[in-house]
C-alpha atoms as a PDB file:
ATOM      1  CA  MET A   1      37.478   3.274  31.130  1.00  0.00           C
ATOM      2  CA  THR A   2      38.317  -0.325  30.558  1.00  0.00           C
ATOM      3  CA  CYS A   3      37.140  -3.766  29.635  1.00  0.00           C
ATOM      4  CA  ILE A   4      37.668  -6.782  31.845  1.00  0.00           C
ATOM      5  CA  ALA A   5      36.245 -10.135  30.744  1.00  0.00           C
ATOM      6  CA  VAL A   6      36.351 -13.418  32.656  1.00  0.00           C
ATOM      7  CA  LEU A   7      35.704 -17.035  31.648  1.00  0.00           C
ATOM      8  CA  ARG A   8      36.126 -20.380  33.339  1.00  0.00           C
ATOM      9  CA  ASP A   9      37.694 -23.272  31.403  1.00  0.00           C
ATOM     10  CA  LYS A  10      36.680 -26.953  31.480  1.00  0.00           C
ATOM     11  CA  LYS A  11      38.951 -27.515  34.495  1.00  0.00           C
ATOM     12  CA  SER A  12      37.166 -24.652  36.348  1.00  0.00           C
ATOM     13  CA  SER A  13      40.234 -22.402  36.176  1.00  0.00           C
ATOM     14  CA  LEU A  14      39.491 -18.689  35.786  1.00  0.00           C
ATOM     15  CA  TRP A  15      40.870 -16.698  32.848  1.00  0.00           C
ATOM     16  CA  PHE A  16      40.946 -12.878  32.985  1.00  0.00           C
ATOM     17  CA  ALA A  17      41.349 -10.604  29.953  1.00  0.00           C
ATOM     18  CA  SER A  18      41.756  -6.842  30.145  1.00  0.00           C
ATOM     19  CA  ASP A  19      42.749  -3.982  27.907  1.00  0.00           C
ATOM     20  CA  ARG A  20      45.263  -1.286  28.869  1.00  0.00           C
ATOM     21  CA  ARG A  21      43.251   1.918  28.395  1.00  0.00           C
ATOM     22  CA  LEU A  22      43.417   4.352  31.308  1.00  0.00           C
ATOM     23  CA  SER A  23      41.883   7.751  31.889  1.00  0.00           C
ATOM     24  CA  SER A  24      42.624  10.490  34.366  1.00  0.00           C
ATOM     25  CA  ASP A  25      40.477  13.611  34.231  1.00  0.00           C
ATOM     26  CA  HIS A  26      40.564  14.450  30.495  1.00  0.00           C
ATOM     27  CA  ASN A  27      43.663  12.409  29.626  1.00  0.00           C
ATOM     28  CA  ILE A  28      43.318   9.006  27.961  1.00  0.00           C
ATOM     29  CA  ILE A  29      46.402   6.821  27.686  1.00  0.00           C
ATOM     30  CA  SER A  30      47.388   3.209  27.113  1.00  0.00           C
ATOM     31  CA  SER A  31      49.266   1.795  30.094  1.00  0.00           C
ATOM     32  CA  ASN A  32      52.531  -0.115  29.897  1.00  0.00           C
ATOM     33  CA  GLU A  33      51.325  -2.418  32.692  1.00  0.00           C
ATOM     34  CA  PRO A  34      48.576  -5.063  32.578  1.00  0.00           C
ATOM     35  CA  LYS A  35      45.438  -4.229  34.606  1.00  0.00           C
ATOM     36  CA  THR A  36      45.136  -7.799  35.856  1.00  0.00           C
ATOM     37  CA  LYS A  37      47.637  -9.078  38.377  1.00  0.00           C
ATOM     38  CA  LEU A  38      48.324 -12.345  40.177  1.00  0.00           C
ATOM     39  CA  LEU A  39      48.725 -11.503  43.883  1.00  0.00           C
ATOM     40  CA  ASN A  40      49.243 -14.352  46.384  1.00  0.00           C
ATOM     41  CA  ASN A  41      47.805 -16.741  43.765  1.00  0.00           C
ATOM     42  CA  ILE A  42      44.673 -14.562  43.497  1.00  0.00           C
ATOM     43  CA  LEU A  43      43.698 -12.944  40.189  1.00  0.00           C
ATOM     44  CA  VAL A  44      42.773  -9.263  40.644  1.00  0.00           C
ATOM     45  CA  SER A  45      41.697  -6.628  38.134  1.00  0.00           C
ATOM     46  CA  GLY A  46      39.938  -3.290  38.461  1.00  0.00           C
ATOM     47  CA  ALA A  47      37.701  -0.895  36.556  1.00  0.00           C
ATOM     48  CA  GLY A  48      36.498   2.538  37.572  1.00  0.00           C
ATOM     49  CA  THR A  49      38.315   5.337  39.369  1.00  0.00           C
ATOM     50  CA  ALA A  50      42.002   4.754  38.646  1.00  0.00           C
ATOM     51  CA  TRP A  51      43.404   5.825  42.018  1.00  0.00           C
ATOM     52  CA  ILE A  52      41.172   3.347  43.864  1.00  0.00           C
ATOM     53  CA  CYS A  53      42.148   0.500  41.502  1.00  0.00           C
ATOM     54  CA  ASP A  54      45.843   1.394  41.866  1.00  0.00           C
ATOM     55  CA  LEU A  55      45.520   1.597  45.637  1.00  0.00           C
ATOM     56  CA  ILE A  56      44.211  -1.977  45.825  1.00  0.00           C
ATOM     57  CA  LEU A  57      46.428  -3.457  43.101  1.00  0.00           C
ATOM     58  CA  GLU A  58      49.669  -1.783  44.151  1.00  0.00           C
ATOM     59  CA  ARG A  59      49.513  -1.353  47.924  1.00  0.00           C
ATOM     60  CA  TYR A  60      47.107  -3.859  49.476  1.00  0.00           C
ATOM     61  CA  GLU A  61      48.481  -7.300  50.323  1.00  0.00           C
ATOM     62  CA  PHE A  62      45.793  -9.897  49.659  1.00  0.00           C
ATOM     63  CA  PRO A  63      45.456 -12.567  52.346  1.00  0.00           C
ATOM     64  CA  THR A  64      46.239 -16.088  51.179  1.00  0.00           C
ATOM     65  CA  ILE A  65      43.560 -18.734  50.913  1.00  0.00           C
ATOM     66  CA  GLU A  66      44.147 -21.653  53.243  1.00  0.00           C
ATOM     67  CA  ASN A  67      43.653 -25.046  51.599  1.00  0.00           C
ATOM     68  CA  ASP A  68      40.666 -25.924  53.792  1.00  0.00           C
ATOM     69  CA  ASP A  69      38.920 -22.530  53.394  1.00  0.00           C
ATOM     70  CA  PRO A  70      36.004 -22.490  50.966  1.00  0.00           C
ATOM     71  CA  GLU A  71      36.391 -19.482  48.649  1.00  0.00           C
ATOM     72  CA  ASN A  72      33.089 -17.954  49.782  1.00  0.00           C
ATOM     73  CA  PHE A  73      34.180 -18.139  53.432  1.00  0.00           C
ATOM     74  CA  TRP A  74      37.549 -16.577  52.510  1.00  0.00           C
ATOM     75  CA  ALA A  75      35.952 -13.695  50.587  1.00  0.00           C
ATOM     76  CA  HIS A  76      33.436 -12.737  53.283  1.00  0.00           C
ATOM     77  CA  ASN A  77      35.255 -13.689  56.491  1.00  0.00           C
ATOM     78  CA  VAL A  78      38.933 -13.144  55.641  1.00  0.00           C
ATOM     79  CA  LEU A  79      39.326 -10.778  52.666  1.00  0.00           C
ATOM     80  CA  TYR A  80      36.469  -8.343  53.380  1.00  0.00           C
ATOM     81  CA  PRO A  81      37.273  -7.605  57.056  1.00  0.00           C
ATOM     82  CA  ASP A  82      41.011  -7.501  56.317  1.00  0.00           C
ATOM     83  CA  LEU A  83      40.524  -5.014  53.474  1.00  0.00           C
ATOM     84  CA  LEU A  84      38.283  -2.799  55.645  1.00  0.00           C
ATOM     85  CA  ARG A  85      40.891  -2.900  58.429  1.00  0.00           C
ATOM     86  CA  TRP A  86      43.651  -1.924  55.999  1.00  0.00           C
ATOM     87  CA  LEU A  87      41.625   0.902  54.427  1.00  0.00           C
ATOM     88  CA  ARG A  88      40.867   2.287  57.914  1.00  0.00           C
ATOM     89  CA  GLU A  89      44.507   2.068  58.983  1.00  0.00           C
ATOM     90  CA  GLU A  90      45.594   3.846  55.788  1.00  0.00           C
ATOM     91  CA  GLY A  91      42.980   6.563  56.334  1.00  0.00           C
ATOM     92  CA  TYR A  92      40.814   5.822  53.280  1.00  0.00           C
ATOM     93  CA  VAL A  93      37.595   4.692  54.975  1.00  0.00           C
ATOM     94  CA  ASP A  94      35.264   7.164  56.623  1.00  0.00           C
ATOM     95  CA  LYS A  95      31.792   6.014  57.755  1.00  0.00           C
ATOM     96  CA  GLY A  96      31.784   2.918  55.544  1.00  0.00           C
ATOM     97  CA  GLY A  97      33.095   4.429  52.326  1.00  0.00           C
ATOM     98  CA  ILE A  98      36.184   5.695  50.576  1.00  0.00           C
ATOM     99  CA  LYS A  99      37.315   9.191  51.508  1.00  0.00           C
ATOM    100  CA  LEU A 100      37.495  11.600  48.615  1.00  0.00           C
ATOM    101  CA  ASN A 101      40.741  11.926  46.755  1.00  0.00           C
ATOM    102  CA  THR A 102      42.184  15.334  47.574  1.00  0.00           C
ATOM    103  CA  GLY A 103      43.046  15.902  43.906  1.00  0.00           C
ATOM    104  CA  ALA A 104      41.024  17.466  41.090  1.00  0.00           C
ATOM    105  CA  SER A 105      37.584  16.419  42.344  1.00  0.00           C
ATOM    106  CA  LYS A 106      37.817  18.269  45.661  1.00  0.00           C
ATOM    107  CA  GLY A 107      35.203  20.977  46.014  1.00  0.00           C
ATOM    108  CA  LYS A 108      33.187  20.130  42.916  1.00  0.00           C
ATOM    109  CA  GLU A 109      29.506  19.793  43.741  1.00  0.00           C
ATOM    110  CA  ASP A 110      28.418  18.331  40.396  1.00  0.00           C
ATOM    111  CA  ARG A 111      31.013  15.584  40.083  1.00  0.00           C
ATOM    112  CA  GLU A 112      30.202  11.878  39.786  1.00  0.00           C
ATOM    113  CA  GLU A 113      30.826   9.521  42.685  1.00  0.00           C
ATOM    114  CA  GLU A 114      34.234   7.876  42.648  1.00  0.00           C
ATOM    115  CA  TYR A 115      34.111   4.092  42.734  1.00  0.00           C
ATOM    116  CA  ALA A 116      35.947   0.990  41.549  1.00  0.00           C
ATOM    117  CA  ILE A 117      34.862  -2.526  40.711  1.00  0.00           C
ATOM    118  CA  MET A 118      37.551  -5.067  41.478  1.00  0.00           C
ATOM    119  CA  LEU A 119      37.196  -8.577  40.078  1.00  0.00           C
ATOM    120  CA  ILE A 120      38.837 -11.173  42.277  1.00  0.00           C
ATOM    121  CA  GLY A 121      39.499 -14.751  41.194  1.00  0.00           C
ATOM    122  CA  ALA A 122      40.072 -17.047  44.164  1.00  0.00           C
ATOM    123  CA  ASN A 123      40.720 -20.591  42.938  1.00  0.00           C
ATOM    124  CA  SER A 124      37.646 -21.249  40.764  1.00  0.00           C
ATOM    125  CA  ALA A 125      35.385 -18.627  42.421  1.00  0.00           C
ATOM    126  CA  LEU A 126      34.863 -15.120  41.055  1.00  0.00           C
ATOM    127  CA  PHE A 127      33.949 -12.142  43.248  1.00  0.00           C
ATOM    128  CA  GLU A 128      33.054  -8.540  42.496  1.00  0.00           C
ATOM    129  CA  LEU A 129      34.367  -6.124  45.114  1.00  0.00           C
ATOM    130  CA  THR A 130      32.684  -2.726  44.779  1.00  0.00           C
ATOM    131  CA  ILE A 131      34.454   0.127  46.548  1.00  0.00           C
ATOM    132  CA  GLY A 132      32.618   3.446  46.550  1.00  0.00           C
ATOM    133  CA  GLU A 133      32.304   6.626  48.541  1.00  0.00           C
ATOM    134  CA  SER A 134      29.160   5.395  50.290  1.00  0.00           C
ATOM    135  CA  SER A 135      29.708   1.628  50.565  1.00  0.00           C
ATOM    136  CA  ILE A 136      32.041  -1.306  50.159  1.00  0.00           C
ATOM    137  CA  SER A 137      30.590  -4.703  49.229  1.00  0.00           C
ATOM    138  CA  ILE A 138      31.657  -8.092  47.922  1.00  0.00           C
ATOM    139  CA  THR A 139      29.460 -10.403  45.855  1.00  0.00           C
ATOM    140  CA  LYS A 140      30.069 -13.803  44.295  1.00  0.00           C
ATOM    141  CA  VAL A 141      29.398 -13.712  40.527  1.00  0.00           C
ATOM    142  CA  ASP A 142      29.576 -16.286  37.756  1.00  0.00           C
ATOM    143  CA  THR A 143      31.115 -16.489  34.318  1.00  0.00           C
ATOM    144  CA  PRO A 144      30.942 -15.370  31.614  1.00  0.00           C
ATOM    145  CA  TYR A 145      31.411 -11.983  33.220  1.00  0.00           C
ATOM    146  CA  ALA A 146      32.568  -8.597  31.978  1.00  0.00           C
ATOM    147  CA  THR A 147      32.762  -5.102  33.425  1.00  0.00           C
ATOM    148  CA  GLY A 148      34.017  -1.636  32.583  1.00  0.00           C
ATOM    149  CA  CYS A 149      32.774   0.730  29.883  1.00  0.00           C
ATOM    150  CA  GLY A 150      33.290  -2.017  27.285  1.00  0.00           C
ATOM    151  CA  GLY A 151      31.890  -4.768  29.487  1.00  0.00           C
ATOM    152  CA  SER A 152      28.467  -5.050  27.865  1.00  0.00           C
ATOM    153  CA  TYR A 153      30.043  -5.416  24.407  1.00  0.00           C
ATOM    154  CA  ALA A 154      32.491  -8.038  25.677  1.00  0.00           C
ATOM    155  CA  LEU A 155      29.734  -9.953  27.460  1.00  0.00           C
ATOM    156  CA  GLY A 156      27.675  -9.996  24.248  1.00  0.00           C
ATOM    157  CA  SER A 157      30.642 -11.475  22.419  1.00  0.00           C
ATOM    158  CA  LEU A 158      31.250 -14.076  25.146  1.00  0.00           C
ATOM    159  CA  ARG A 159      27.590 -15.139  25.028  1.00  0.00           C
ATOM    160  CA  THR A 160      27.654 -15.325  21.223  1.00  0.00           C
ATOM    161  CA  THR A 161      30.727 -17.600  21.191  1.00  0.00           C
ATOM    162  CA  GLU A 162      29.539 -19.953  23.964  1.00  0.00           C
ATOM    163  CA  LYS A 163      28.711 -22.842  21.631  1.00  0.00           C
ATOM    164  CA  MET A 164      31.533 -22.224  19.163  1.00  0.00           C
ATOM    165  CA  LYS A 165      34.615 -24.432  19.160  1.00  0.00           C
ATOM    166  CA  MET A 166      37.047 -21.766  20.319  1.00  0.00           C
ATOM    167  CA  LYS A 167      39.768 -21.790  22.947  1.00  0.00           C
ATOM    168  CA  VAL A 168      39.046 -19.776  26.085  1.00  0.00           C
ATOM    169  CA  LYS A 169      41.870 -17.325  25.359  1.00  0.00           C
ATOM    170  CA  ASP A 170      40.566 -16.765  21.805  1.00  0.00           C
ATOM    171  CA  ARG A 171      37.033 -16.062  23.064  1.00  0.00           C
ATOM    172  CA  LEU A 172      38.383 -13.568  25.606  1.00  0.00           C
ATOM    173  CA  LYS A 173      40.631 -11.862  23.068  1.00  0.00           C
ATOM    174  CA  LEU A 174      37.742 -11.518  20.620  1.00  0.00           C
ATOM    175  CA  ALA A 175      35.463 -10.146  23.367  1.00  0.00           C
ATOM    176  CA  CYS A 176      37.977  -7.434  24.298  1.00  0.00           C
ATOM    177  CA  GLU A 177      38.596  -6.627  20.621  1.00  0.00           C
ATOM    178  CA  VAL A 178      34.838  -6.147  20.115  1.00  0.00           C
ATOM    179  CA  ALA A 179      34.769  -3.850  23.162  1.00  0.00           C
ATOM    180  CA  ALA A 180      37.684  -1.835  21.726  1.00  0.00           C
ATOM    181  CA  GLN A 181      35.860  -1.436  18.401  1.00  0.00           C
ATOM    182  CA  CYS A 182      32.623  -0.301  20.070  1.00  0.00           C
ATOM    183  CA  SER A 183      33.852   1.781  23.026  1.00  0.00           C
ATOM    184  CA  SER A 184      36.409   4.578  22.868  1.00  0.00           C
ATOM    185  CA  GLY A 185      37.177   3.798  26.508  1.00  0.00           C
ATOM    186  CA  CYS A 186      38.890   0.527  25.528  1.00  0.00           C
ATOM    187  CA  ASP A 187      41.927  -0.288  23.427  1.00  0.00           C
ATOM    188  CA  ASP A 188      43.123  -3.403  21.625  1.00  0.00           C
ATOM    189  CA  ARG A 189      46.217  -4.019  23.768  1.00  0.00           C
ATOM    190  CA  ILE A 190      44.883  -7.087  25.557  1.00  0.00           C
ATOM    191  CA  ASP A 191      46.430  -9.141  28.340  1.00  0.00           C
ATOM    192  CA  ILE A 192      45.147 -12.594  29.268  1.00  0.00           C
ATOM    193  CA  LEU A 193      46.067 -14.050  32.645  1.00  0.00           C
ATOM    194  CA  THR A 194      45.294 -17.205  34.613  1.00  0.00           C
ATOM    195  CA  ASN A 195      46.665 -18.346  37.954  1.00  0.00           C
ATOM    196  CA  LYS A 196      49.329 -20.140  35.883  1.00  0.00           C
ATOM    197  CA  GLY A 197      50.581 -16.886  34.310  1.00  0.00           C
ATOM    198  CA  LEU A 198      50.259 -14.507  31.364  1.00  0.00           C
ATOM    199  CA  PHE A 199      49.122 -15.799  27.947  1.00  0.00           C
END
């Protein structure tokens, strides 16, 4: 349950917007913390299974990007193998995927697969890191981009406002507000973050 929307400004800087809605089993709450964080000058946000998002956002230390590393090289040859190494060392990876959480889902045959989609902004490049029980992958994506249960609504708003004379932060705020109006999985507490800080 969430909405994350991303745009690039005229200087090619990435802007992330996210709401604060969280769900755990049957509980839906609004978090006190933003879902998007700036870690080692890398923008990171997550949607999907909360414990996987929290694991990456709170415990994993993202490798820095060296000045001469192209972002694509960094994502596939530095970040991806380092993340897999860390997940193995921490005991979360088994045969290429995330081990099951030992909490409420254990033993349920009819449950949905647990997964998370992490959006990663490295300089001006945007990547989607998908972490699931059966696979872990990283893909370069472009803006406008949105994900989460409100992502399709936000993306529609971002596409609609493309030719309007609006500031990037205003377009993102409107997109997340639309998602909050259309999806009960989103709320209207919206944080907007760039690599220069919170707006």
